[in-house]
Structures are given as structure tokens and as C-alpha cells.
Amino acid sequence: MFSTEPTGWRKSSRSQQETACVEIAPTASGAAVRDSKDRAAGYFTTTAHQWRLFVTAVKAGRFES
């Protein structure tokens, strides 16, 4: 049976030793996201379009306080 579990998880190189990090992995239709401290809690997925919109918003500083 073919597994659809995401593989190739990675954390941003900018997060260094921070504890509040997420990891991402590519999926067939977009990306999977999980908490790097609690990998057993699972993950959520986004479509490629949703992921591009999110990354664009982060780069534009829309989540900065």
C-alpha cells in the first residue's frame, strides 16, 4: 500500500536552537506542518496555493507585532 505520510521534514535554518519552532515537509498537494517539540501530536496539511499565500504574508511582515 502507498503511504501518503509526509517525509523530508525540515526546520528553518533561522530557528537555530529556538524551542518554539515548526517543521515543514512537502506533500503531493502542498505542505505539512508540525510542532518540532511535539512531533507525536501530528500535523496539518495545506494546499500549495495556501502555502504560497502564507509564505508571502510572512515575508511581507503581516504577522509581526
Protein backbone atom coordinates (compact mmCIF):
# COMPACT_ATOMS: atom_id res chain seq x y z
CA MET A 1 0.00 0.00 0.00
CA PHE A 2 1.22 3.50 -0.87
CA SER A 3 1.91 5.75 2.13
CA THR A 4 0.84 9.37 1.94
CA GLU A 5 2.73 10.34 5.10
CA PRO A 6 4.95 13.39 4.53
CA THR A 7 8.69 12.78 4.55
CA GLY A 8 11.70 15.06 4.45
CA TRP A 9 10.72 17.20 7.44
CA ARG A 10 12.89 20.27 7.94
CA LYS A 11 13.15 23.24 10.28
CA SER A 12 14.18 26.70 9.22
CA SER A 13 17.91 27.34 9.49
CA ARG A 14 16.99 30.68 11.07
CA SER A 15 15.37 28.99 14.06
CA GLN A 16 18.75 27.70 15.32
CA GLN A 17 18.25 26.42 18.89
CA GLU A 18 14.89 28.11 19.49
CA THR A 19 12.23 25.96 21.13
CA ALA A 20 9.12 27.45 19.52
CA CYS A 21 9.64 26.07 16.02
CA VAL A 22 7.65 24.31 13.39
CA GLU A 23 8.81 21.82 10.80
CA ILE A 24 7.53 21.51 7.26
CA ALA A 25 7.53 18.71 4.73
CA PRO A 26 6.39 18.69 1.11
CA THR A 27 3.30 16.68 0.21
CA ALA A 28 1.83 15.73 -3.14
CA SER A 29 -0.63 18.62 -2.92
CA GLY A 30 1.22 21.22 -0.82
CA ALA A 31 2.88 21.14 2.59
CA ALA A 32 2.57 19.52 6.01
CA VAL A 33 3.32 21.46 9.21
CA ARG A 34 4.04 20.15 12.72
CA ASP A 35 5.39 21.33 16.09
CA SER A 36 9.07 20.45 16.36
CA LYS A 37 8.74 19.90 20.13
CA ASP A 38 5.72 17.58 19.91
CA ARG A 39 6.01 15.59 16.71
CA ALA A 40 3.74 12.86 18.08
CA ALA A 41 0.84 15.35 18.20
CA GLY A 42 0.50 15.07 14.43
CA TYR A 43 0.50 17.63 11.67
CA PHE A 44 -1.80 19.63 9.44
CA THR A 45 -1.65 20.00 5.68
CA THR A 46 -2.16 22.89 3.31
CA THR A 47 -2.60 23.09 -0.41
CA ALA A 48 0.24 24.51 -2.48
CA HIS A 49 -1.80 27.67 -3.03
CA GLN A 50 -2.47 28.15 0.71
CA TRP A 51 1.21 27.59 1.50
CA ARG A 52 2.33 30.18 -1.08
CA LEU A 53 -0.11 32.74 0.36
CA PHE A 54 1.16 32.07 3.89
CA VAL A 55 4.84 32.36 2.93
CA THR A 56 4.13 35.57 1.01
CA ALA A 57 2.37 37.06 4.07
CA VAL A 58 5.27 36.09 6.37
CA LYS A 59 7.81 37.65 4.02
CA ALA A 60 5.69 40.82 3.88
CA GLY A 61 5.76 41.09 7.69
CA ARG A 62 1.99 40.66 8.11
CA PHE A 63 2.42 38.66 11.33
CA GLU A 64 4.90 40.99 13.03
CA SER A 65 3.71 42.76 16.17
